[in-house]
N, C-alpha and C. Protein backbone atom coordinates (compact mmCIF):
# COMPACT_ATOMS: atom_id res chain seq x y z
N MET A 1 0.72 -1.28 -0.36
CA MET A 1 -0.02 0.22 -0.07
C MET A 1 1.04 1.52 -0.22
N SER A 2 0.55 2.27 -0.85
CA SER A 2 1.35 3.52 -0.66
C SER A 2 0.88 4.78 0.20
N ALA A 3 2.21 5.56 0.35
CA ALA A 3 1.71 6.53 1.73
C ALA A 3 0.21 7.13 1.41
N PRO A 4 -0.10 7.37 2.24
CA PRO A 4 -1.26 7.85 2.29
C PRO A 4 -1.04 9.65 1.64
N ARG A 5 -2.10 10.16 1.16
CA ARG A 5 -1.84 11.54 0.52
C ARG A 5 -2.54 12.72 2.01
N SER A 6 -3.90 11.76 2.58
CA SER A 6 -4.58 12.38 3.30
C SER A 6 -4.77 11.53 4.51
N VAL A 7 -5.06 12.17 5.83
CA VAL A 7 -5.09 11.71 6.93
C VAL A 7 -6.29 12.01 7.62
N THR A 8 -7.10 11.60 8.30
CA THR A 8 -7.64 12.19 9.20
C THR A 8 -7.68 11.75 10.54
N LEU A 9 -7.43 13.12 11.33
CA LEU A 9 -6.83 12.69 13.07
C LEU A 9 -7.66 13.06 14.09
N ALA A 10 -8.17 12.41 15.01
CA ALA A 10 -8.72 12.65 15.81
C ALA A 10 -8.45 12.67 17.38
N PHE A 11 -8.78 13.39 18.24
CA PHE A 11 -8.43 13.81 19.36
C PHE A 11 -9.20 13.05 20.31
N THR A 12 -9.73 12.49 20.98
CA THR A 12 -10.70 12.34 22.23
C THR A 12 -10.78 12.48 23.62
N GLY A 13 -11.03 11.94 24.42
CA GLY A 13 -11.00 12.50 26.04
C GLY A 13 -10.28 11.96 26.76
N ALA A 14 -9.52 10.97 26.10
CA ALA A 14 -8.94 9.50 26.73
C ALA A 14 -7.14 10.46 27.04
N SER A 15 -6.45 10.18 28.42
CA SER A 15 -5.05 10.59 28.76
C SER A 15 -4.17 9.97 27.61
N GLY A 16 -3.22 10.68 27.37
CA GLY A 16 -2.57 10.01 26.20
C GLY A 16 -2.57 11.45 24.52
N MET A 17 -2.40 13.11 25.53
CA MET A 17 -2.83 13.61 24.45
C MET A 17 -1.24 14.17 23.60
N PRO A 18 0.13 13.97 24.75
CA PRO A 18 1.02 13.83 24.19
C PRO A 18 1.55 12.82 22.61
N TYR A 19 0.83 11.66 22.63
CA TYR A 19 1.05 10.65 21.63
C TYR A 19 0.34 11.18 20.16
N GLY A 20 -1.03 12.53 20.43
CA GLY A 20 -1.93 12.67 19.39
C GLY A 20 -0.86 13.91 18.33
N LEU A 21 -0.59 14.74 19.42
CA LEU A 21 0.07 15.55 19.40
C LEU A 21 1.64 15.53 17.96
N ARG A 22 2.43 14.82 18.68
CA ARG A 22 3.57 14.04 18.20
C ARG A 22 2.62 13.32 16.88
N LEU A 23 2.20 12.79 16.92
CA LEU A 23 1.87 12.33 15.87
C LEU A 23 1.07 13.06 14.81
N LEU A 24 0.45 13.85 15.26
CA LEU A 24 0.04 15.28 14.01
C LEU A 24 1.29 15.90 13.61
N GLU A 25 2.21 16.36 14.28
CA GLU A 25 3.39 16.80 13.78
C GLU A 25 3.89 15.79 12.47
N CYS A 26 4.39 14.56 12.94
CA CYS A 26 4.85 13.85 12.10
C CYS A 26 4.07 13.34 10.93
N VAL A 27 2.99 13.55 10.65
CA VAL A 27 1.72 13.18 9.67
C VAL A 27 2.00 14.51 8.72
N VAL A 28 2.11 15.53 9.39
CA VAL A 28 2.62 16.74 8.50
C VAL A 28 3.84 16.77 8.20
N ALA A 29 4.89 16.64 8.60
CA ALA A 29 6.23 16.62 8.18
C ALA A 29 6.65 15.38 7.21
N ALA A 30 5.35 14.68 7.13
CA ALA A 30 5.42 13.57 6.30
C ALA A 30 5.22 14.25 4.85
N GLY A 31 4.09 15.46 5.02
CA GLY A 31 3.38 15.89 4.07
C GLY A 31 2.26 15.66 3.17
N CYS A 32 1.28 14.86 4.60
CA CYS A 32 0.23 14.47 4.27
C CYS A 32 -1.29 15.93 4.43
N ARG A 33 -2.03 15.56 4.16
CA ARG A 33 -2.68 16.60 4.25
C ARG A 33 -3.68 16.21 5.53
N VAL A 34 -3.80 16.94 6.01
CA VAL A 34 -4.63 16.56 7.85
C VAL A 34 -6.26 16.72 7.85
N ALA A 35 -7.03 16.05 8.15
CA ALA A 35 -8.32 16.77 8.62
C ALA A 35 -8.25 16.29 10.41
N LEU A 36 -8.08 17.59 10.62
CA LEU A 36 -7.85 17.33 12.27
C LEU A 36 -9.63 17.70 12.93
N LEU A 37 -9.79 16.61 14.13
CA LEU A 37 -10.97 16.32 14.71
C LEU A 37 -10.49 16.48 16.52
N TYR A 38 -11.20 17.58 17.11
CA TYR A 38 -11.39 16.65 18.63
C TYR A 38 -12.36 16.98 19.24
N SER A 39 -12.54 16.14 20.40
CA SER A 39 -14.07 16.41 21.23
C SER A 39 -13.47 17.71 22.39
N PRO A 40 -14.96 17.85 22.92
CA PRO A 40 -14.63 18.79 24.15
C PRO A 40 -13.90 18.38 25.10
N ALA A 41 -13.96 17.13 25.65
CA ALA A 41 -13.34 16.59 26.43
C ALA A 41 -11.87 16.38 26.04
N ALA A 42 -11.22 15.79 24.41
CA ALA A 42 -9.90 16.00 24.41
C ALA A 42 -9.30 17.76 24.75
N GLN A 43 -10.34 18.72 24.37
CA GLN A 43 -9.95 20.26 24.89
C GLN A 43 -9.79 20.55 26.18
N VAL A 44 -10.10 19.39 27.00
CA VAL A 44 -9.52 19.66 28.64
C VAL A 44 -8.65 18.81 29.08
N VAL A 45 -8.51 17.69 28.09
CA VAL A 45 -7.23 16.79 28.58
C VAL A 45 -5.59 17.87 27.91
N ALA A 46 -6.22 18.09 27.05
CA ALA A 46 -4.91 18.99 26.16
C ALA A 46 -4.36 19.98 27.04
N LYS A 47 -5.26 20.29 27.50
CA LYS A 47 -5.04 21.68 28.59
C LYS A 47 -4.50 21.40 29.77
N GLN A 48 -5.01 20.05 30.54
CA GLN A 48 -4.16 19.54 31.34
C GLN A 48 -2.73 18.81 31.23
N GLU A 49 -2.77 17.86 30.24
CA GLU A 49 -1.66 17.42 30.15
C GLU A 49 -0.25 18.16 29.35
N CYS A 50 -0.92 18.93 28.88
CA CYS A 50 0.35 19.71 27.72
C CYS A 50 -0.09 21.10 27.93
N GLY A 51 -0.65 21.59 28.63
CA GLY A 51 -1.00 23.32 28.41
C GLY A 51 -1.39 23.79 27.29
N LEU A 52 -2.39 22.90 26.70
CA LEU A 52 -2.35 23.48 25.28
C LEU A 52 -3.74 23.87 25.04
N THR A 53 -4.28 25.55 24.63
CA THR A 53 -5.37 25.57 24.70
C THR A 53 -5.85 25.06 23.28
N LEU A 54 -6.74 23.99 23.28
CA LEU A 54 -7.45 23.95 22.02
C LEU A 54 -8.79 24.77 21.47
N SER A 55 -8.49 25.28 20.37
CA SER A 55 -10.00 26.66 20.41
C SER A 55 -10.86 25.73 19.43
N ALA A 56 -11.66 26.56 19.93
CA ALA A 56 -13.39 25.56 19.53
C ALA A 56 -13.90 26.54 18.12
N GLN A 57 -12.76 27.39 17.64
CA GLN A 57 -12.94 27.78 16.20
C GLN A 57 -11.95 27.48 15.48
N PRO A 58 -12.38 26.48 14.89
CA PRO A 58 -11.66 25.78 13.87
C PRO A 58 -10.90 26.72 12.95
N ARG A 59 -10.92 27.51 12.40
CA ARG A 59 -9.92 28.57 11.77
C ARG A 59 -8.74 28.67 12.49
N GLU A 60 -9.11 29.28 14.07
CA GLU A 60 -8.29 29.53 14.60
C GLU A 60 -7.18 28.77 15.24
N ALA A 61 -7.77 27.20 15.26
CA ALA A 61 -7.17 26.24 15.83
C ALA A 61 -6.30 25.62 14.49
N ALA A 62 -6.17 25.82 13.16
CA ALA A 62 -5.75 25.48 12.43
C ALA A 62 -4.82 25.97 11.85
N ARG A 63 -4.76 27.75 12.07
CA ARG A 63 -3.84 28.36 12.24
C ARG A 63 -2.74 28.30 13.12
N MET A 64 -3.06 28.29 14.45
CA MET A 64 -2.19 27.65 15.48
C MET A 64 -1.53 26.41 15.42
N PHE A 65 -2.29 25.66 14.49
CA PHE A 65 -1.31 23.97 14.33
C PHE A 65 -0.48 24.01 13.17
N ALA A 66 -0.48 25.42 12.12
CA ALA A 66 -0.32 25.47 11.12
C ALA A 66 1.37 25.94 11.29
N GLU A 67 1.13 27.11 12.31
CA GLU A 67 2.54 27.94 12.76
C GLU A 67 3.30 26.65 13.72
N ARG A 68 2.41 26.17 14.32
CA ARG A 68 3.42 25.38 15.58
C ARG A 68 4.09 23.99 14.68
N TYR A 69 3.57 23.60 13.81
CA TYR A 69 4.44 22.45 12.92
C TYR A 69 4.82 22.81 11.93
N GLY A 70 4.58 23.93 11.39
CA GLY A 70 5.36 24.52 9.95
C GLY A 70 4.35 23.73 8.87
N ALA A 71 3.03 23.48 8.90
CA ALA A 71 2.36 23.20 7.84
C ALA A 71 2.13 24.33 6.41
N ALA A 72 2.01 23.91 5.80
CA ALA A 72 1.86 24.51 4.47
C ALA A 72 0.78 24.98 4.81
N ALA A 73 0.59 25.77 3.57
CA ALA A 73 -0.73 26.40 3.71
C ALA A 73 -1.86 25.69 3.19
N GLY A 74 -3.33 25.55 3.99
CA GLY A 74 -4.40 24.54 3.59
C GLY A 74 -3.92 23.26 4.00
N GLN A 75 -2.75 22.85 4.76
CA GLN A 75 -2.30 21.47 4.83
C GLN A 75 -3.14 20.77 5.99
N ILE A 76 -3.25 21.86 7.06
CA ILE A 76 -4.46 21.36 8.28
C ILE A 76 -5.65 21.78 8.29
N THR A 77 -7.23 21.35 7.86
CA THR A 77 -8.19 21.76 8.18
C THR A 77 -8.63 21.03 9.47
N VAL A 78 -8.87 21.91 10.27
CA VAL A 78 -9.74 21.31 11.43
C VAL A 78 -11.21 21.70 11.13
N HIS A 79 -12.16 20.56 11.37
CA HIS A 79 -13.57 20.93 11.59
C HIS A 79 -14.27 20.60 12.87
N ALA A 80 -14.99 21.07 13.21
CA ALA A 80 -16.33 20.72 13.97
C ALA A 80 -16.84 19.27 14.29
N ARG A 81 -16.67 19.18 15.17
CA ARG A 81 -17.72 17.72 15.57
C ARG A 81 -19.31 17.67 14.73
N GLU A 82 -19.60 18.82 14.56
CA GLU A 82 -20.95 18.51 13.87
C GLU A 82 -21.18 18.96 12.60
N ASP A 83 -19.59 19.39 12.16
CA ASP A 83 -19.58 19.79 10.84
C ASP A 83 -19.82 19.01 9.47
N TRP A 84 -20.81 18.18 9.43
CA TRP A 84 -21.54 17.20 8.42
C TRP A 84 -21.40 17.53 6.94
N LEU A 85 -21.07 18.76 6.85
CA LEU A 85 -20.59 19.06 5.57
C LEU A 85 -19.11 18.72 5.18
N ALA A 86 -18.39 18.13 5.88
CA ALA A 86 -16.32 18.00 5.56
C ALA A 86 -16.99 16.79 4.87
N PRO A 87 -16.01 16.94 3.99
CA PRO A 87 -15.48 15.67 3.27
C PRO A 87 -15.47 14.39 3.61
N ILE A 88 -14.84 14.19 5.49
CA ILE A 88 -14.93 12.80 5.98
C ILE A 88 -16.10 12.34 6.32
N ALA A 89 -17.17 13.24 6.18
CA ALA A 89 -18.70 12.51 6.66
C ALA A 89 -18.98 11.99 5.09
N SER A 90 -18.32 11.47 4.45
CA SER A 90 -18.92 10.70 3.22
C SER A 90 -18.05 10.03 2.54
N GLY A 91 -18.66 8.50 2.12
CA GLY A 91 -17.91 7.58 1.72
C GLY A 91 -17.43 8.35 0.65
N SER A 92 -17.93 9.27 -0.10
CA SER A 92 -17.89 9.52 -1.43
C SER A 92 -16.48 10.02 -1.84
N ASN A 93 -15.97 11.04 -0.34
CA ASN A 93 -14.43 11.45 -0.37
C ASN A 93 -14.10 11.19 0.72
N PRO A 94 -13.52 10.11 1.36
CA PRO A 94 -12.71 9.94 2.67
C PRO A 94 -11.54 9.86 2.61
N ALA A 95 -10.93 10.33 3.88
CA ALA A 95 -9.61 10.17 3.50
C ALA A 95 -8.51 8.67 3.12
N ASP A 96 -7.30 8.97 3.02
CA ASP A 96 -6.82 7.71 2.69
C ASP A 96 -6.61 6.96 3.87
N ALA A 97 -6.47 7.32 5.40
CA ALA A 97 -6.67 6.78 6.31
C ALA A 97 -7.20 7.38 7.61
N MET A 98 -7.21 6.94 9.02
CA MET A 98 -7.53 7.96 10.29
C MET A 98 -7.09 7.15 11.61
N ALA A 99 -6.42 7.93 12.04
CA ALA A 99 -6.03 7.25 13.79
C ALA A 99 -7.31 8.06 14.51
N VAL A 100 -7.64 7.97 15.34
CA VAL A 100 -7.95 8.19 17.15
C VAL A 100 -7.00 8.08 17.99
N CYS A 101 -6.07 9.05 18.22
CA CYS A 101 -5.23 8.76 19.01
C CYS A 101 -5.36 10.33 20.06
N PRO A 102 -5.22 10.36 21.27
CA PRO A 102 -5.94 9.02 21.79
C PRO A 102 -7.50 8.93 21.68
N CYS A 103 -7.83 7.68 22.25
CA CYS A 103 -9.23 7.08 21.90
C CYS A 103 -9.73 6.77 23.11
N SER A 104 -10.95 7.28 23.76
CA SER A 104 -11.19 7.17 24.73
C SER A 104 -12.84 6.01 24.45
N MET A 105 -12.99 5.46 25.44
CA MET A 105 -13.69 4.04 25.54
C MET A 105 -15.01 4.90 24.81
N GLY A 106 -15.40 5.87 25.27
CA GLY A 106 -16.96 6.10 24.95
C GLY A 106 -16.65 6.12 23.60
N THR A 107 -15.71 6.96 22.89
CA THR A 107 -15.55 6.68 21.72
C THR A 107 -15.22 5.53 20.53
N LEU A 108 -14.66 4.72 21.70
CA LEU A 108 -14.62 3.36 21.01
C LEU A 108 -16.01 2.42 20.66
N GLY A 109 -16.43 2.95 21.95
CA GLY A 109 -17.35 1.73 21.91
C GLY A 109 -18.39 2.35 21.08
N ALA A 110 -18.70 3.71 21.00
CA ALA A 110 -19.54 4.25 19.75
C ALA A 110 -19.40 3.60 18.64
N ILE A 111 -17.75 4.24 18.06
CA ILE A 111 -17.93 3.60 16.96
C ILE A 111 -17.71 1.89 16.68
N ALA A 112 -17.84 1.03 17.34
CA ALA A 112 -17.37 -0.35 17.58
C ALA A 112 -19.57 -0.50 17.53
N ASN A 113 -20.26 0.30 17.77
CA ASN A 113 -21.76 0.30 17.87
C ASN A 113 -22.45 1.14 16.61
N GLY A 114 -21.60 1.80 15.72
CA GLY A 114 -22.07 2.48 14.31
C GLY A 114 -22.89 3.66 15.08
N LEU A 115 -22.51 4.19 16.09
CA LEU A 115 -23.69 5.09 16.45
C LEU A 115 -22.93 6.47 15.45
N ALA A 116 -21.77 7.00 15.01
CA ALA A 116 -22.10 7.81 13.81
C ALA A 116 -22.79 9.41 14.30
N ASP A 117 -22.94 9.42 15.91
CA ASP A 117 -23.43 10.71 16.42
C ASP A 117 -22.60 12.14 16.58
N ASN A 118 -21.43 12.11 15.93
CA ASN A 118 -20.89 12.88 15.77
C ASN A 118 -19.44 13.07 14.76
N LEU A 119 -19.32 13.94 14.20
CA LEU A 119 -18.14 13.80 12.85
C LEU A 119 -17.13 12.76 13.36
N ILE A 120 -16.49 12.69 14.76
CA ILE A 120 -15.54 11.86 14.72
C ILE A 120 -15.76 10.35 14.56
N GLU A 121 -17.60 10.05 15.14
CA GLU A 121 -17.70 8.74 14.79
C GLU A 121 -17.72 8.41 13.36
N ARG A 122 -18.65 9.43 13.01
CA ARG A 122 -18.74 9.54 11.27
C ARG A 122 -17.70 9.39 10.81
N ALA A 123 -16.71 9.77 10.57
CA ALA A 123 -15.55 9.41 9.88
C ALA A 123 -15.10 8.22 9.90
N ALA A 124 -14.93 7.83 11.58
CA ALA A 124 -14.36 6.25 11.37
C ALA A 124 -15.52 5.27 10.77
N ASP A 125 -16.79 5.35 11.16
CA ASP A 125 -17.66 4.83 10.32
C ASP A 125 -17.70 4.50 8.68
N VAL A 126 -17.02 5.77 8.32
CA VAL A 126 -16.88 5.97 7.07
C VAL A 126 -15.31 4.88 6.40
N MET A 127 -14.65 4.90 7.27
CA MET A 127 -13.23 4.35 7.05
C MET A 127 -13.75 2.94 7.06
N LEU A 128 -14.49 2.35 8.10
CA LEU A 128 -14.73 0.80 8.19
C LEU A 128 -15.79 0.41 7.10
N LYS A 129 -16.51 1.40 6.45
CA LYS A 129 -17.24 0.74 5.58
C LYS A 129 -16.66 0.90 4.03
N GLU A 130 -15.64 1.63 3.85
CA GLU A 130 -15.33 1.73 2.77
C GLU A 130 -13.62 1.19 2.57
N ARG A 131 -13.51 0.66 3.69
CA ARG A 131 -12.36 -0.55 3.81
C ARG A 131 -11.18 -0.09 3.83
N ARG A 132 -10.68 1.08 4.78
CA ARG A 132 -9.63 2.19 4.40
C ARG A 132 -9.18 1.90 6.03
N PRO A 133 -7.74 1.54 6.01
CA PRO A 133 -7.42 2.06 7.08
C PRO A 133 -7.61 2.97 8.65
N LEU A 134 -8.15 2.30 9.79
CA LEU A 134 -8.46 3.23 10.85
C LEU A 134 -7.85 1.98 11.75
N VAL A 135 -6.95 3.40 12.42
CA VAL A 135 -6.03 2.79 14.10
C VAL A 135 -6.77 3.68 15.14
N LEU A 136 -7.32 2.81 16.40
CA LEU A 136 -7.65 3.10 17.45
C LEU A 136 -6.30 3.19 18.30
N VAL A 137 -6.26 3.93 18.92
CA VAL A 137 -5.12 4.02 20.36
C VAL A 137 -5.80 4.51 21.76
N PRO A 138 -6.27 3.18 22.49
CA PRO A 138 -6.97 3.20 23.34
C PRO A 138 -6.43 3.08 24.50
N ARG A 139 -6.41 4.60 25.48
CA ARG A 139 -5.89 4.87 26.31
C ARG A 139 -6.60 4.25 27.98
N GLU A 140 -6.28 3.22 28.59
CA GLU A 140 -6.92 3.08 29.67
C GLU A 140 -6.66 1.88 30.24
N THR A 141 -6.89 1.44 31.62
CA THR A 141 -6.44 0.36 32.32
C THR A 141 -7.03 -0.01 33.80
N PRO A 142 -7.16 -0.42 34.22
CA PRO A 142 -7.70 -1.82 33.61
C PRO A 142 -8.83 -1.79 32.51
N LEU A 143 -8.97 -2.81 31.59
CA LEU A 143 -10.05 -2.85 30.74
C LEU A 143 -10.90 -3.90 30.99
N SER A 144 -12.17 -3.30 30.69
CA SER A 144 -13.34 -4.56 31.33
C SER A 144 -13.59 -5.10 30.35
N ALA A 145 -15.12 -6.21 30.29
CA ALA A 145 -15.53 -6.65 29.52
C ALA A 145 -15.54 -6.54 28.44
N ILE A 146 -16.58 -5.07 28.70
CA ILE A 146 -16.71 -4.30 28.00
C ILE A 146 -16.10 -3.41 27.01
N HIS A 147 -15.45 -3.33 27.49
CA HIS A 147 -13.84 -2.88 26.74
C HIS A 147 -13.10 -3.50 25.77
N LEU A 148 -12.98 -4.58 26.47
CA LEU A 148 -12.25 -5.76 25.41
C LEU A 148 -13.56 -6.21 23.90
N GLY A 149 -14.85 -6.35 24.67
CA GLY A 149 -15.61 -6.86 23.57
C GLY A 149 -15.59 -5.89 22.22
N ASN A 150 -15.72 -4.66 22.62
CA ASN A 150 -16.09 -3.33 22.02
C ASN A 150 -14.58 -3.71 21.13
N MET A 151 -13.37 -3.70 21.55
CA MET A 151 -12.58 -4.03 20.36
C MET A 151 -12.47 -5.25 19.86
N LEU A 152 -12.97 -6.37 20.24
CA LEU A 152 -12.76 -7.46 19.72
C LEU A 152 -14.04 -6.99 18.32
N THR A 153 -14.86 -6.39 18.36
CA THR A 153 -16.01 -6.05 17.16
C THR A 153 -15.32 -5.29 16.71
N LEU A 154 -14.47 -4.37 16.55
CA LEU A 154 -13.70 -3.16 15.88
C LEU A 154 -12.63 -4.04 15.11
N ALA A 155 -11.96 -4.92 15.36
CA ALA A 155 -10.82 -5.70 15.20
C ALA A 155 -11.65 -6.67 13.71
N ARG A 156 -12.56 -7.42 14.13
CA ARG A 156 -13.25 -8.16 13.13
C ARG A 156 -13.87 -7.01 12.47
N ALA A 157 -13.92 -6.04 12.22
CA ALA A 157 -14.77 -4.96 11.05
C ALA A 157 -13.46 -4.16 10.65
N GLY A 158 -12.46 -4.91 10.69
CA GLY A 158 -10.98 -4.26 9.91
C GLY A 158 -10.58 -3.01 10.95
N ALA A 159 -10.11 -2.43 12.05
CA ALA A 159 -9.77 -1.42 12.62
C ALA A 159 -8.67 -1.94 13.26
N VAL A 160 -7.50 -1.07 13.36
CA VAL A 160 -6.37 -1.50 14.04
C VAL A 160 -6.50 -1.08 15.60
N ILE A 161 -6.51 -2.19 16.75
CA ILE A 161 -6.50 -1.96 17.80
C ILE A 161 -5.16 -1.95 18.26
N LEU A 162 -4.50 -0.38 18.67
CA LEU A 162 -3.02 -0.48 19.31
C LEU A 162 -3.38 0.33 20.23
N PRO A 163 -3.25 -0.49 21.30
CA PRO A 163 -2.73 0.12 22.97
C PRO A 163 -1.56 1.01 22.74
N PRO A 164 -1.30 2.35 23.40
CA PRO A 164 -0.01 2.47 23.73
C PRO A 164 0.98 2.07 24.47
N SER A 165 1.46 0.89 24.26
CA SER A 165 2.57 -0.12 24.87
C SER A 165 4.05 0.29 24.41
N PRO A 166 4.56 0.87 24.95
CA PRO A 166 5.78 1.07 24.70
C PRO A 166 7.18 -0.27 25.24
N GLY A 167 7.78 -0.08 24.22
CA GLY A 167 8.67 -1.08 24.11
C GLY A 167 10.13 -0.94 24.83
N PHE A 168 10.98 -1.22 25.82
CA PHE A 168 12.01 -0.79 26.23
C PHE A 168 13.02 -1.13 25.64
N TYR A 169 13.50 -1.88 24.44
CA TYR A 169 14.63 -2.83 24.12
C TYR A 169 15.43 -1.78 23.54
N THR A 170 14.32 -0.62 23.10
CA THR A 170 15.10 0.75 22.20
C THR A 170 15.83 1.51 23.30
N HIS A 171 15.73 1.25 24.77
CA HIS A 171 16.41 1.43 25.92
C HIS A 171 15.90 3.71 26.15
N PRO A 172 14.76 3.77 26.32
CA PRO A 172 14.33 5.30 26.33
C PRO A 172 14.63 5.83 27.54
N THR A 173 15.40 7.18 27.10
CA THR A 173 15.81 7.79 28.38
C THR A 173 15.21 8.71 28.73
N THR A 174 13.76 9.54 27.57
CA THR A 174 12.89 10.25 28.01
C THR A 174 11.42 10.13 27.82
N VAL A 175 10.92 10.68 28.31
CA VAL A 175 9.42 10.80 27.95
C VAL A 175 9.13 10.83 26.55
N ALA A 176 9.83 11.79 25.89
CA ALA A 176 9.49 12.07 24.53
C ALA A 176 9.97 10.64 23.48
N ASP A 177 11.00 9.70 24.08
CA ASP A 177 11.48 8.54 23.59
C ASP A 177 10.02 7.74 23.51
N VAL A 178 9.80 7.41 24.68
CA VAL A 178 8.82 6.61 24.80
C VAL A 178 7.72 7.11 24.04
N VAL A 179 7.00 8.21 23.77
CA VAL A 179 5.86 8.93 23.09
C VAL A 179 5.87 8.47 21.70
N ASP A 180 7.38 8.84 21.38
CA ASP A 180 7.80 8.39 19.88
C ASP A 180 8.22 6.81 19.39
N PHE A 181 8.32 5.89 20.17
CA PHE A 181 8.02 4.61 19.85
C PHE A 181 7.04 4.18 19.89
N VAL A 182 5.40 4.63 20.43
CA VAL A 182 3.93 4.31 20.62
C VAL A 182 3.48 5.41 18.46
N VAL A 183 4.15 6.76 18.76
CA VAL A 183 3.74 7.08 17.50
C VAL A 183 4.07 6.41 16.14
N ALA A 184 5.23 5.51 16.64
CA ALA A 184 5.88 5.07 15.06
C ALA A 184 5.16 4.24 14.62
N ARG A 185 4.62 3.15 15.84
CA ARG A 185 3.66 2.28 15.37
C ARG A 185 2.64 2.71 14.76
N VAL A 186 1.93 3.82 15.36
CA VAL A 186 1.02 4.02 14.99
C VAL A 186 1.26 4.73 12.79
N LEU A 187 2.11 5.42 13.07
CA LEU A 187 2.77 5.55 11.86
C LEU A 187 2.94 4.39 10.50
N ASP A 188 3.30 3.24 11.17
CA ASP A 188 3.66 2.13 10.52
C ASP A 188 2.16 1.62 9.89
N GLN A 189 1.22 1.53 10.77
CA GLN A 189 -0.29 0.88 10.24
C GLN A 189 -0.62 2.27 9.48
N LEU A 190 -0.66 3.57 9.41
CA LEU A 190 -1.06 4.52 8.55
C LEU A 190 -0.62 4.69 6.98
N ARG A 191 0.86 3.98 7.26
CA ARG A 191 1.71 3.73 6.09
C ARG A 191 2.22 5.31 6.28
N VAL A 192 2.63 5.84 6.73
CA VAL A 192 3.13 6.98 6.73
C VAL A 192 5.08 6.81 7.22
N PRO A 193 5.78 7.36 6.17
CA PRO A 193 7.14 7.12 6.54
C PRO A 193 7.55 7.89 7.38
N HIS A 194 8.60 7.75 8.22
CA HIS A 194 9.16 7.78 9.77
C HIS A 194 10.60 7.49 9.78
N ASP A 195 10.97 8.22 10.05
CA ASP A 195 12.35 7.42 11.77
C ASP A 195 12.94 7.96 12.28
N LEU A 196 11.77 7.63 13.36
CA LEU A 196 11.45 8.11 14.51
C LEU A 196 12.30 7.13 15.93
N VAL A 197 12.04 6.02 15.87
CA VAL A 197 13.04 5.10 15.98
C VAL A 197 13.82 3.74 15.21
N PRO A 198 14.84 3.60 15.50
CA PRO A 198 15.49 2.29 14.38
C PRO A 198 14.48 1.03 14.88
N ARG A 199 14.22 0.71 14.13
CA ARG A 199 13.63 -0.90 13.49
C ARG A 199 14.34 -1.94 13.97
N TRP A 200 13.64 -3.21 14.39
CA TRP A 200 14.35 -4.34 14.69
C TRP A 200 15.49 -4.95 13.48
N GLY A 201 16.31 -5.31 14.06
CA GLY A 201 17.33 -5.37 13.13
C GLY A 201 18.35 -4.75 12.36
N GLU A 202 17.89 -3.17 12.71
CA GLU A 202 18.87 -2.08 11.88
C GLU A 202 19.93 -2.07 12.91
N ALA A 203 19.80 -1.95 14.25
CA ALA A 203 20.76 -1.50 15.27
C ALA A 203 20.64 -2.39 16.28
N ALA A 204 21.54 -3.70 16.67
CA ALA A 204 21.49 -4.22 17.62
C ALA A 204 21.12 -3.63 18.82
N PRO A 205 20.43 -4.25 19.54
CA PRO A 205 19.88 -3.35 21.24
C PRO A 205 21.17 -4.30 21.93
N PRO A 206 21.53 -3.11 22.71
CA PRO A 206 23.02 -3.47 23.58
C PRO A 206 22.74 -4.48 24.78
N HIS A 207 21.39 -4.70 24.94
CA HIS A 207 21.23 -5.58 26.11
C HIS A 207 19.99 -7.16 25.78
N GLY A 208 20.57 -7.45 24.34
CA GLY A 208 19.77 -8.59 24.65
C GLY A 208 18.64 -8.77 23.37
N GLY A 209 17.88 -8.17 23.20
CA GLY A 209 17.08 -8.76 22.28
C GLY A 209 15.45 -8.09 22.50
N ALA A 210 14.51 -8.43 21.32
CA ALA A 210 13.16 -8.00 21.73
C ALA A 210 12.46 -8.55 22.58
N ASP A 211 11.09 -8.20 22.86
CA ASP A 211 10.24 -8.88 24.22
C ASP A 211 10.20 -10.04 23.56
N THR A 212 10.43 -11.07 24.71
CA THR A 212 10.17 -12.85 24.46
C THR A 212 9.07 -13.37 25.65
N ALA A 213 8.67 -14.24 25.01
CA ALA A 213 7.77 -14.75 26.12
C ALA A 213 8.79 -15.40 27.38
């Protein structure tokens, strides 16, 4: 599969906003067009975890992110959650790939059950029905039987369930290293090229090997 030209990225109200922001930065750096969505709960999390205010005004938010990540004019479009005229709301004009990062259990459950009650849920629903890559990054622990059941439903429907579980064989020394490990896995699933972390076999780990049973 070739690298995507357009990616939909959604932030929801789970902890893990550093993953989402770093993912946005990398997707922009790779030259993809980005349709960005975020929930009201994500605005709270962004302020709490990153000290970042996500504007409720889409144009202002797009301007802020473009300046923050050096995006080209028009490369980032921010949509309101009720913007039903957005291209990503229809199977006739979907993005090439989509990630929900971080993904709350509420959003995950809504997508699993086809609710499509807002643009985040609808855009994800479109990806499933059009059989395009959908990556969900759920940040919750422990997981209930309901959570696990919803994840199984989504995996069977074609979504990739990618919990932010960092590996330590790369010997991370900073929080940014841990974030990059997870974001690299998301980018791989989206088919977005990157060089965030060495791939297994490219550089021998100094202390013995990959995670083993």
